[in-house]
Amino acid sequence: MVKTHRTRKGNQARAARAGLAYWMRRVLKECARAGRRFDEDAVHDLRVALRRCRTMADGLARADGLARADGDARWRRMKRAGRRLFRRLGGLRDTQVMLTWTARLAPATDAVRRRLNGALATRVREQKRGAAAALRKFDRARWRRWTVGLDARARRFPPGSGVFRQMALAHLRDAYALHRRAIASRGRDSGIAYHQLRIGLKRFRYVVENFLPRYHRQWGRELKHLQDLLGEVHDLDVLGQEIRKLRGARAADKAHWRKRIAAERKSRLAEYHARMTGRAAPWRAWRRALMV
């Protein structure tokens, strides 16, 4: 009996940390934290909270529209406000990630790393000023009002509802089509194809994460790891583009960096292929579970 009570309390605590109101309030907390220094972790956490709100709003607005002909314009307004801030933080986040990668790939004495870091440091300072301006424009009072009103509407659609399974199935089909296209891609098209696949898997993951807690407990860790693998492939592609554009570095040094980046990229794609191709790949199992 004690075990059942504890399990129920644990499930309630997880639900409280996963609801729309939780993440909308989290945005406000992360705004305050990021605004102090715009360090890498704070920028990342604010973007995660904003993304959560936007992806939950996508699913809930669709469910709301199916339930009521009039829908609610606040879904659209909240997504738009979150998207503006999210995008203004995107360039800063990308630059901070590149700085992290340069530290992982070469020692501080490396000539290309020193030159690239100098250019990226200048860019970070400019982007932090832009991020600060965007944060000042973000209407936190209106966001608080939306939190109350939209949470009341969100509560009408319990997690695990059939409408959310149908959304997940649609995103799963899209992701699988992008997977097949990426596997068949070659050369320059490969980077674009795997980036599109990452976005497709992300959309599927977010529906599962936000609205299907039963399946998220089973698949969440695997989906996050897959997204991380493809995210690092994209990071490496962006870094490779920066190396190609870098001025003042020796051609031989840049070629060494490109070779190192290619090796890191290849290892991540090899792991993705090992997990997601062949009979053991989870595509069919995910589809069967969602159709029950």
C-alpha atoms as a PDB file:
ATOM      1  CA  MET A   1       0.000   0.000   0.000  1.00  0.00           C
ATOM      2  CA  VAL A   2       2.837   2.392   0.834  1.00  0.00           C
ATOM      3  CA  LYS A   3       4.498   1.587  -2.460  1.00  0.00           C
ATOM      4  CA  THR A   4       1.306   2.438  -4.394  1.00  0.00           C
ATOM      5  CA  HIS A   5       0.941   5.736  -2.536  1.00  0.00           C
ATOM      6  CA  ARG A   6       4.557   6.664  -3.242  1.00  0.00           C
ATOM      7  CA  THR A   7       4.185   5.724  -6.894  1.00  0.00           C
ATOM      8  CA  ARG A   8       1.090   7.909  -7.199  1.00  0.00           C
ATOM      9  CA  LYS A   9       2.853  10.835  -5.540  1.00  0.00           C
ATOM     10  CA  GLY A  10       5.869  10.386  -7.804  1.00  0.00           C
ATOM     11  CA  ASN A  11       3.648  10.415 -10.889  1.00  0.00           C
ATOM     12  CA  GLN A  12       1.919  13.571  -9.681  1.00  0.00           C
ATOM     13  CA  ALA A  13       5.255  15.300  -9.093  1.00  0.00           C
ATOM     14  CA  ARG A  14       6.446  14.390 -12.598  1.00  0.00           C
ATOM     15  CA  ALA A  15       3.182  15.656 -14.090  1.00  0.00           C
ATOM     16  CA  ALA A  16       3.567  18.982 -12.256  1.00  0.00           C
ATOM     17  CA  ARG A  17       7.050  19.387 -13.742  1.00  0.00           C
ATOM     18  CA  ALA A  18       5.815  18.562 -17.234  1.00  0.00           C
ATOM     19  CA  GLY A  19       2.694  20.707 -17.619  1.00  0.00           C
ATOM     20  CA  LEU A  20       2.328  23.827 -19.721  1.00  0.00           C
ATOM     21  CA  ALA A  21       2.125  26.154 -16.707  1.00  0.00           C
ATOM     22  CA  TYR A  22       5.358  24.714 -15.288  1.00  0.00           C
ATOM     23  CA  TRP A  23       7.268  25.419 -18.490  1.00  0.00           C
ATOM     24  CA  MET A  24       5.755  28.854 -19.001  1.00  0.00           C
ATOM     25  CA  ARG A  25       6.801  29.825 -15.465  1.00  0.00           C
ATOM     26  CA  ARG A  26      10.199  28.257 -16.151  1.00  0.00           C
ATOM     27  CA  VAL A  27      10.647  30.640 -19.096  1.00  0.00           C
ATOM     28  CA  LEU A  28      10.341  33.612 -16.738  1.00  0.00           C
ATOM     29  CA  LYS A  29      12.860  32.137 -14.294  1.00  0.00           C
ATOM     30  CA  GLU A  30      15.327  31.398 -17.079  1.00  0.00           C
ATOM     31  CA  CYS A  31      14.883  34.919 -18.499  1.00  0.00           C
ATOM     32  CA  ALA A  32      16.048  36.337 -15.170  1.00  0.00           C
ATOM     33  CA  ARG A  33      18.982  33.921 -15.023  1.00  0.00           C
ATOM     34  CA  ALA A  34      20.090  34.426 -18.638  1.00  0.00           C
ATOM     35  CA  GLY A  35      19.861  38.196 -18.412  1.00  0.00           C
ATOM     36  CA  ARG A  36      22.633  38.364 -15.829  1.00  0.00           C
ATOM     37  CA  ARG A  37      25.483  37.111 -18.039  1.00  0.00           C
ATOM     38  CA  PHE A  38      24.084  35.193 -21.033  1.00  0.00           C
ATOM     39  CA  ASP A  39      26.470  32.333 -20.283  1.00  0.00           C
ATOM     40  CA  GLU A  40      26.207  29.141 -22.323  1.00  0.00           C
ATOM     41  CA  ASP A  41      24.164  27.071 -19.840  1.00  0.00           C
ATOM     42  CA  ALA A  42      21.682  29.871 -19.146  1.00  0.00           C
ATOM     43  CA  VAL A  43      21.100  30.567 -22.847  1.00  0.00           C
ATOM     44  CA  HIS A  44      20.623  26.854 -23.506  1.00  0.00           C
ATOM     45  CA  ASP A  45      18.163  26.417 -20.625  1.00  0.00           C
ATOM     46  CA  LEU A  46      16.094  29.431 -21.673  1.00  0.00           C
ATOM     47  CA  ARG A  47      15.875  28.125 -25.241  1.00  0.00           C
ATOM     48  CA  VAL A  48      14.840  24.686 -23.959  1.00  0.00           C
ATOM     49  CA  ALA A  49      12.029  26.234 -21.882  1.00  0.00           C
ATOM     50  CA  LEU A  50      10.856  28.387 -24.799  1.00  0.00           C
ATOM     51  CA  ARG A  51      10.949  25.409 -27.145  1.00  0.00           C
ATOM     52  CA  ARG A  52       8.928  23.334 -24.705  1.00  0.00           C
ATOM     53  CA  CYS A  53       6.241  26.018 -24.523  1.00  0.00           C
ATOM     54  CA  ARG A  54       6.072  26.399 -28.291  1.00  0.00           C
ATOM     55  CA  THR A  55       5.896  22.671 -29.000  1.00  0.00           C
ATOM     56  CA  MET A  56       3.266  22.139 -26.312  1.00  0.00           C
ATOM     57  CA  ALA A  57       1.290  25.042 -27.752  1.00  0.00           C
ATOM     58  CA  ASP A  58       1.424  23.415 -31.198  1.00  0.00           C
ATOM     59  CA  GLY A  59      -0.138  20.209 -29.916  1.00  0.00           C
ATOM     60  CA  LEU A  60      -2.614  21.847 -27.563  1.00  0.00           C
ATOM     61  CA  ALA A  61      -3.754  24.412 -30.129  1.00  0.00           C
ATOM     62  CA  ARG A  62      -4.501  21.591 -32.557  1.00  0.00           C
ATOM     63  CA  ALA A  63      -6.422  19.670 -29.906  1.00  0.00           C
ATOM     64  CA  ASP A  64      -8.201  22.879 -28.892  1.00  0.00           C
ATOM     65  CA  GLY A  65      -9.179  23.570 -32.498  1.00  0.00           C
ATOM     66  CA  LEU A  66     -10.622  20.071 -32.862  1.00  0.00           C
ATOM     67  CA  ALA A  67     -12.627  20.461 -29.661  1.00  0.00           C
ATOM     68  CA  ARG A  68     -13.923  23.986 -30.335  1.00  0.00           C
ATOM     69  CA  ALA A  69     -14.529  25.692 -33.640  1.00  0.00           C
ATOM     70  CA  ASP A  70     -13.326  29.058 -32.341  1.00  0.00           C
ATOM     71  CA  GLY A  71      -9.975  27.893 -30.900  1.00  0.00           C
ATOM     72  CA  ASP A  72      -8.011  30.486 -28.936  1.00  0.00           C
ATOM     73  CA  ALA A  73      -5.817  33.196 -30.471  1.00  0.00           C
ATOM     74  CA  ARG A  74      -3.620  33.213 -27.375  1.00  0.00           C
ATOM     75  CA  TRP A  75      -1.918  30.006 -28.545  1.00  0.00           C
ATOM     76  CA  ARG A  76      -0.717  31.766 -31.675  1.00  0.00           C
ATOM     77  CA  ARG A  77       0.357  34.897 -29.800  1.00  0.00           C
ATOM     78  CA  MET A  78       2.289  32.928 -27.194  1.00  0.00           C
ATOM     79  CA  LYS A  79       4.101  30.902 -29.873  1.00  0.00           C
ATOM     80  CA  ARG A  80       4.976  34.065 -31.794  1.00  0.00           C
ATOM     81  CA  ALA A  81       6.395  35.809 -28.723  1.00  0.00           C
ATOM     82  CA  GLY A  82       8.409  32.733 -27.765  1.00  0.00           C
ATOM     83  CA  ARG A  83       9.688  32.257 -31.311  1.00  0.00           C
ATOM     84  CA  ARG A  84      11.005  35.817 -31.553  1.00  0.00           C
ATOM     85  CA  LEU A  85      13.077  35.476 -28.379  1.00  0.00           C
ATOM     86  CA  PHE A  86      14.142  31.922 -29.241  1.00  0.00           C
ATOM     87  CA  ARG A  87      15.506  33.010 -32.615  1.00  0.00           C
ATOM     88  CA  ARG A  88      17.336  36.031 -31.238  1.00  0.00           C
ATOM     89  CA  LEU A  89      19.147  33.693 -28.857  1.00  0.00           C
ATOM     90  CA  GLY A  90      19.909  31.152 -31.605  1.00  0.00           C
ATOM     91  CA  GLY A  91      22.975  32.834 -33.086  1.00  0.00           C
ATOM     92  CA  LEU A  92      24.515  33.321 -29.653  1.00  0.00           C
ATOM     93  CA  ARG A  93      23.872  29.703 -28.783  1.00  0.00           C
ATOM     94  CA  ASP A  94      25.464  28.488 -32.037  1.00  0.00           C
ATOM     95  CA  THR A  95      28.582  30.577 -31.450  1.00  0.00           C
ATOM     96  CA  GLN A  96      28.922  29.376 -27.861  1.00  0.00           C
ATOM     97  CA  VAL A  97      28.618  25.768 -29.047  1.00  0.00           C
ATOM     98  CA  MET A  98      31.381  26.325 -31.615  1.00  0.00           C
ATOM     99  CA  LEU A  99      33.660  27.666 -28.904  1.00  0.00           C
ATOM    100  CA  THR A 100      33.030  24.506 -26.914  1.00  0.00           C
ATOM    101  CA  TRP A 101      33.849  22.351 -29.936  1.00  0.00           C
ATOM    102  CA  THR A 102      37.126  24.142 -30.641  1.00  0.00           C
ATOM    103  CA  ALA A 103      38.204  23.408 -27.069  1.00  0.00           C
ATOM    104  CA  ARG A 104      37.319  19.729 -27.514  1.00  0.00           C
ATOM    105  CA  LEU A 105      39.117  19.320 -30.823  1.00  0.00           C
ATOM    106  CA  ALA A 106      42.425  21.125 -30.284  1.00  0.00           C
ATOM    107  CA  PRO A 107      44.708  22.463 -27.518  1.00  0.00           C
ATOM    108  CA  ALA A 108      44.797  26.165 -26.676  1.00  0.00           C
ATOM    109  CA  THR A 109      48.103  26.523 -28.548  1.00  0.00           C
ATOM    110  CA  ASP A 110      46.604  25.434 -31.878  1.00  0.00           C
ATOM    111  CA  ALA A 111      46.926  28.244 -34.444  1.00  0.00           C
ATOM    112  CA  VAL A 112      43.518  27.707 -36.057  1.00  0.00           C
ATOM    113  CA  ARG A 113      41.786  27.487 -32.687  1.00  0.00           C
ATOM    114  CA  ARG A 114      43.371  30.759 -31.523  1.00  0.00           C
ATOM    115  CA  ARG A 115      42.400  32.596 -34.689  1.00  0.00           C
ATOM    116  CA  LEU A 116      38.887  31.186 -34.787  1.00  0.00           C
ATOM    117  CA  ASN A 117      38.276  31.817 -31.086  1.00  0.00           C
ATOM    118  CA  GLY A 118      39.260  35.442 -31.522  1.00  0.00           C
ATOM    119  CA  ALA A 119      36.668  35.898 -34.253  1.00  0.00           C
ATOM    120  CA  LEU A 120      34.019  33.985 -32.292  1.00  0.00           C
ATOM    121  CA  ALA A 121      34.663  35.969 -29.089  1.00  0.00           C
ATOM    122  CA  THR A 122      33.986  39.208 -30.967  1.00  0.00           C
ATOM    123  CA  ARG A 123      30.811  37.701 -32.373  1.00  0.00           C
ATOM    124  CA  VAL A 124      29.645  36.579 -28.919  1.00  0.00           C
ATOM    125  CA  ARG A 125      29.940  40.109 -27.543  1.00  0.00           C
ATOM    126  CA  GLU A 126      27.809  41.477 -30.376  1.00  0.00           C
ATOM    127  CA  GLN A 127      25.258  38.705 -30.048  1.00  0.00           C
ATOM    128  CA  LYS A 128      24.942  39.192 -26.300  1.00  0.00           C
ATOM    129  CA  ARG A 129      24.001  42.822 -26.907  1.00  0.00           C
ATOM    130  CA  GLY A 130      21.333  41.680 -29.367  1.00  0.00           C
ATOM    131  CA  ALA A 131      20.068  39.042 -26.940  1.00  0.00           C
ATOM    132  CA  ALA A 132      19.848  41.617 -24.145  1.00  0.00           C
ATOM    133  CA  ALA A 133      17.774  43.915 -26.373  1.00  0.00           C
ATOM    134  CA  ALA A 134      15.442  41.026 -27.275  1.00  0.00           C
ATOM    135  CA  LEU A 135      15.044  40.099 -23.611  1.00  0.00           C
ATOM    136  CA  ARG A 136      14.094  43.685 -22.729  1.00  0.00           C
ATOM    137  CA  LYS A 137      11.373  43.595 -25.394  1.00  0.00           C
ATOM    138  CA  PHE A 138       9.958  40.307 -24.139  1.00  0.00           C
ATOM    139  CA  ASP A 139       6.665  41.149 -22.373  1.00  0.00           C
ATOM    140  CA  ARG A 140       6.847  39.111 -19.181  1.00  0.00           C
ATOM    141  CA  ALA A 141       3.601  40.508 -17.720  1.00  0.00           C
ATOM    142  CA  ARG A 142       1.640  39.339 -20.756  1.00  0.00           C
ATOM    143  CA  TRP A 143       3.420  35.979 -20.609  1.00  0.00           C
ATOM    144  CA  ARG A 144       2.212  35.583 -16.994  1.00  0.00           C
ATOM    145  CA  ARG A 145      -1.382  36.308 -18.050  1.00  0.00           C
ATOM    146  CA  TRP A 146      -1.138  33.761 -20.845  1.00  0.00           C
ATOM    147  CA  THR A 147       0.185  31.201 -18.362  1.00  0.00           C
ATOM    148  CA  VAL A 148      -3.034  31.348 -16.340  1.00  0.00           C
ATOM    149  CA  GLY A 149      -5.449  31.405 -19.271  1.00  0.00           C
ATOM    150  CA  LEU A 150      -3.771  28.804 -21.465  1.00  0.00           C
ATOM    151  CA  ASP A 151      -3.116  26.409 -18.605  1.00  0.00           C
ATOM    152  CA  ALA A 152      -6.864  26.333 -17.918  1.00  0.00           C
ATOM    153  CA  ARG A 153      -7.500  25.311 -21.528  1.00  0.00           C
ATOM    154  CA  ALA A 154      -4.627  22.821 -21.556  1.00  0.00           C
ATOM    155  CA  ARG A 155      -6.066  20.924 -18.594  1.00  0.00           C
ATOM    156  CA  ARG A 156      -9.006  19.815 -20.744  1.00  0.00           C
ATOM    157  CA  PHE A 157      -6.694  17.529 -22.746  1.00  0.00           C
ATOM    158  CA  PRO A 158      -5.176  14.869 -20.488  1.00  0.00           C
ATOM    159  CA  PRO A 159      -1.814  13.332 -21.417  1.00  0.00           C
ATOM    160  CA  GLY A 160      -2.141  10.128 -23.404  1.00  0.00           C
ATOM    161  CA  SER A 161      -5.257  11.211 -25.293  1.00  0.00           C
ATOM    162  CA  GLY A 162      -5.891   9.683 -28.703  1.00  0.00           C
ATOM    163  CA  VAL A 163      -5.410  13.016 -30.442  1.00  0.00           C
ATOM    164  CA  PHE A 164      -1.811  13.118 -29.207  1.00  0.00           C
ATOM    165  CA  ARG A 165      -1.129   9.566 -30.384  1.00  0.00           C
ATOM    166  CA  GLN A 166      -2.362  10.562 -33.836  1.00  0.00           C
ATOM    167  CA  MET A 167      -0.031  13.587 -33.810  1.00  0.00           C
ATOM    168  CA  ALA A 168       2.891  11.386 -32.783  1.00  0.00           C
ATOM    169  CA  LEU A 169       2.095   8.906 -35.572  1.00  0.00           C
ATOM    170  CA  ALA A 170       2.050  11.686 -38.170  1.00  0.00           C
ATOM    171  CA  HIS A 171       5.428  13.009 -36.970  1.00  0.00           C
ATOM    172  CA  LEU A 172       6.818   9.464 -36.865  1.00  0.00           C
ATOM    173  CA  ARG A 173       5.875   8.880 -40.512  1.00  0.00           C
ATOM    174  CA  ASP A 174       7.507  12.173 -41.492  1.00  0.00           C
ATOM    175  CA  ALA A 175      10.662  11.346 -39.511  1.00  0.00           C
ATOM    176  CA  TYR A 176      10.946   7.916 -41.113  1.00  0.00           C
ATOM    177  CA  ALA A 177      10.662   9.409 -44.601  1.00  0.00           C
ATOM    178  CA  LEU A 178      13.431  11.875 -43.707  1.00  0.00           C
ATOM    179  CA  HIS A 179      15.496   9.001 -42.286  1.00  0.00           C
ATOM    180  CA  ARG A 180      15.317   7.101 -45.576  1.00  0.00           C
ATOM    181  CA  ARG A 181      16.252  10.220 -47.522  1.00  0.00           C
ATOM    182  CA  ALA A 182      19.225  10.913 -45.243  1.00  0.00           C
ATOM    183  CA  ILE A 183      20.507   7.336 -45.456  1.00  0.00           C
ATOM    184  CA  ALA A 184      20.485   7.600 -49.261  1.00  0.00           C
ATOM    185  CA  SER A 185      22.109  11.057 -49.366  1.00  0.00           C
ATOM    186  CA  ARG A 186      25.679  11.715 -50.431  1.00  0.00           C
ATOM    187  CA  GLY A 187      28.115  14.636 -50.507  1.00  0.00           C
ATOM    188  CA  ARG A 188      26.816  18.118 -49.699  1.00  0.00           C
ATOM    189  CA  ASP A 189      23.222  16.879 -49.634  1.00  0.00           C
ATOM    190  CA  SER A 190      24.124  14.671 -46.671  1.00  0.00           C
ATOM    191  CA  GLY A 191      24.473  17.576 -44.242  1.00  0.00           C
ATOM    192  CA  ILE A 192      21.136  19.061 -45.277  1.00  0.00           C
ATOM    193  CA  ALA A 193      19.375  15.682 -45.178  1.00  0.00           C
ATOM    194  CA  TYR A 194      20.614  14.783 -41.697  1.00  0.00           C
ATOM    195  CA  HIS A 195      19.742  18.258 -40.422  1.00  0.00           C
ATOM    196  CA  GLN A 196      16.175  17.816 -41.711  1.00  0.00           C
ATOM    197  CA  LEU A 197      16.059  14.357 -40.123  1.00  0.00           C
ATOM    198  CA  ARG A 198      17.149  15.837 -36.794  1.00  0.00           C
ATOM    199  CA  ILE A 199      14.254  18.314 -36.957  1.00  0.00           C
ATOM    200  CA  GLY A 200      11.812  15.557 -37.897  1.00  0.00           C
ATOM    201  CA  LEU A 201      12.895  13.316 -35.012  1.00  0.00           C
ATOM    202  CA  LYS A 202      12.771  16.291 -32.682  1.00  0.00           C
ATOM    203  CA  ARG A 203       9.127  16.966 -33.557  1.00  0.00           C
ATOM    204  CA  PHE A 204       8.238  13.343 -32.880  1.00  0.00           C
ATOM    205  CA  ARG A 205      10.179  13.358 -29.635  1.00  0.00           C
ATOM    206  CA  TYR A 206       8.476  16.512 -28.371  1.00  0.00           C
ATOM    207  CA  VAL A 207       4.962  15.124 -28.860  1.00  0.00           C
ATOM    208  CA  VAL A 208       5.975  11.981 -26.985  1.00  0.00           C
ATOM    209  CA  GLU A 209       7.778  13.956 -24.283  1.00  0.00           C
ATOM    210  CA  ASN A 210       5.004  16.509 -23.750  1.00  0.00           C
ATOM    211  CA  PHE A 211       1.840  14.461 -24.153  1.00  0.00           C
ATOM    212  CA  LEU A 212       2.528  10.714 -24.026  1.00  0.00           C
ATOM    213  CA  PRO A 213       4.224  10.040 -20.677  1.00  0.00           C
ATOM    214  CA  ARG A 214       3.823   6.262 -20.920  1.00  0.00           C
ATOM    215  CA  TYR A 215       5.807   6.104 -24.155  1.00  0.00           C
ATOM    216  CA  HIS A 216       8.245   8.759 -23.043  1.00  0.00           C
ATOM    217  CA  ARG A 217       9.270   6.554 -20.100  1.00  0.00           C
ATOM    218  CA  GLN A 218      10.025   3.773 -22.602  1.00  0.00           C
ATOM    219  CA  TRP A 219      11.560   5.754 -25.471  1.00  0.00           C
ATOM    220  CA  GLY A 220      12.677   9.086 -24.062  1.00  0.00           C
ATOM    221  CA  ARG A 221      16.302   8.223 -23.397  1.00  0.00           C
ATOM    222  CA  GLU A 222      16.784   6.663 -26.829  1.00  0.00           C
ATOM    223  CA  LEU A 223      15.106   9.572 -28.623  1.00  0.00           C
ATOM    224  CA  LYS A 224      17.239  12.117 -26.786  1.00  0.00           C
ATOM    225  CA  HIS A 225      20.423  10.244 -27.599  1.00  0.00           C
ATOM    226  CA  LEU A 226      19.500  10.056 -31.291  1.00  0.00           C
ATOM    227  CA  GLN A 227      18.741  13.763 -31.319  1.00  0.00           C
ATOM    228  CA  ASP A 228      22.055  14.490 -29.587  1.00  0.00           C
ATOM    229  CA  LEU A 229      23.963  12.438 -32.171  1.00  0.00           C
ATOM    230  CA  LEU A 230      22.352  14.274 -35.080  1.00  0.00           C
ATOM    231  CA  GLY A 231      22.699  17.597 -33.273  1.00  0.00           C
ATOM    232  CA  GLU A 232      26.443  17.062 -32.943  1.00  0.00           C
ATOM    233  CA  VAL A 233      26.650  16.187 -36.634  1.00  0.00           C
ATOM    234  CA  HIS A 234      25.000  19.530 -37.392  1.00  0.00           C
ATOM    235  CA  ASP A 235      27.331  21.355 -34.970  1.00  0.00           C
ATOM    236  CA  LEU A 236      30.324  19.821 -36.743  1.00  0.00           C
ATOM    237  CA  ASP A 237      28.963  20.819 -40.150  1.00  0.00           C
ATOM    238  CA  VAL A 238      28.575  24.428 -38.961  1.00  0.00           C
ATOM    239  CA  LEU A 239      32.090  24.394 -37.505  1.00  0.00           C
ATOM    240  CA  GLY A 240      33.462  23.042 -40.787  1.00  0.00           C
ATOM    241  CA  GLN A 241      31.873  25.951 -42.648  1.00  0.00           C
ATOM    242  CA  GLU A 242      33.512  28.407 -40.245  1.00  0.00           C
ATOM    243  CA  ILE A 243      36.897  26.778 -40.797  1.00  0.00           C
ATOM    244  CA  ARG A 244      36.522  27.070 -44.569  1.00  0.00           C
ATOM    245  CA  LYS A 245      35.711  30.786 -44.282  1.00  0.00           C
ATOM    246  CA  LEU A 246      38.487  31.508 -41.770  1.00  0.00           C
ATOM    247  CA  ARG A 247      41.081  33.960 -43.090  1.00  0.00           C
ATOM    248  CA  GLY A 248      44.747  34.110 -42.186  1.00  0.00           C
ATOM    249  CA  ALA A 249      45.174  30.427 -41.295  1.00  0.00           C
ATOM    250  CA  ARG A 250      47.496  28.119 -43.227  1.00  0.00           C
ATOM    251  CA  ALA A 251      45.805  25.825 -45.744  1.00  0.00           C
ATOM    252  CA  ALA A 252      47.534  22.766 -44.222  1.00  0.00           C
ATOM    253  CA  ASP A 253      46.238  23.639 -40.742  1.00  0.00           C
ATOM    254  CA  LYS A 254      42.690  24.094 -42.035  1.00  0.00           C
ATOM    255  CA  ALA A 255      42.902  20.783 -43.893  1.00  0.00           C
ATOM    256  CA  HIS A 256      43.919  19.064 -40.633  1.00  0.00           C
ATOM    257  CA  TRP A 257      40.866  20.528 -38.908  1.00  0.00           C
ATOM    258  CA  ARG A 258      38.547  19.439 -41.686  1.00  0.00           C
ATOM    259  CA  LYS A 259      39.934  15.910 -41.428  1.00  0.00           C
ATOM    260  CA  ARG A 260      39.386  15.863 -37.664  1.00  0.00           C
ATOM    261  CA  ILE A 261      35.844  17.209 -38.032  1.00  0.00           C
ATOM    262  CA  ALA A 262      35.068  14.591 -40.707  1.00  0.00           C
ATOM    263  CA  ALA A 263      36.248  11.795 -38.394  1.00  0.00           C
ATOM    264  CA  GLU A 264      34.084  13.026 -35.486  1.00  0.00           C
ATOM    265  CA  ARG A 265      31.103  13.376 -37.810  1.00  0.00           C
ATOM    266  CA  LYS A 266      31.600   9.896 -39.271  1.00  0.00           C
ATOM    267  CA  SER A 267      31.677   8.246 -35.841  1.00  0.00           C
ATOM    268  CA  ARG A 268      28.343   9.814 -34.849  1.00  0.00           C
ATOM    269  CA  LEU A 269      26.644   8.871 -38.099  1.00  0.00           C
ATOM    270  CA  ALA A 270      27.971   5.328 -37.758  1.00  0.00           C
ATOM    271  CA  GLU A 271      26.347   5.053 -34.329  1.00  0.00           C
ATOM    272  CA  TYR A 272      23.086   6.478 -35.661  1.00  0.00           C
ATOM    273  CA  HIS A 273      23.080   3.948 -38.533  1.00  0.00           C
ATOM    274  CA  ALA A 274      23.826   1.082 -36.141  1.00  0.00           C
ATOM    275  CA  ARG A 275      20.839   2.008 -33.978  1.00  0.00           C
ATOM    276  CA  MET A 276      18.332   2.991 -36.641  1.00  0.00           C
ATOM    277  CA  THR A 277      18.866   0.657 -39.610  1.00  0.00           C
ATOM    278  CA  GLY A 278      18.291  -3.086 -39.857  1.00  0.00           C
ATOM    279  CA  ARG A 279      15.792  -5.341 -38.115  1.00  0.00           C
ATOM    280  CA  ALA A 280      16.607  -4.086 -34.616  1.00  0.00           C
ATOM    281  CA  ALA A 281      15.723  -0.471 -35.485  1.00  0.00           C
ATOM    282  CA  PRO A 282      12.794   0.777 -33.364  1.00  0.00           C
ATOM    283  CA  TRP A 283      10.706   2.386 -36.153  1.00  0.00           C
ATOM    284  CA  ARG A 284       8.170  -0.445 -36.415  1.00  0.00           C
ATOM    285  CA  ALA A 285       7.931  -0.948 -32.665  1.00  0.00           C
ATOM    286  CA  TRP A 286       7.160   2.754 -32.165  1.00  0.00           C
ATOM    287  CA  ARG A 287       4.504   2.666 -34.870  1.00  0.00           C
ATOM    288  CA  ARG A 288       2.848  -0.501 -33.507  1.00  0.00           C
ATOM    289  CA  ALA A 289       2.696   0.905 -29.982  1.00  0.00           C
ATOM    290  CA  LEU A 290       1.080   4.158 -31.090  1.00  0.00           C
ATOM    291  CA  MET A 291      -1.570   2.345 -33.138  1.00  0.00           C
ATOM    292  CA  VAL A 292      -2.861   0.306 -30.187  1.00  0.00           C
END
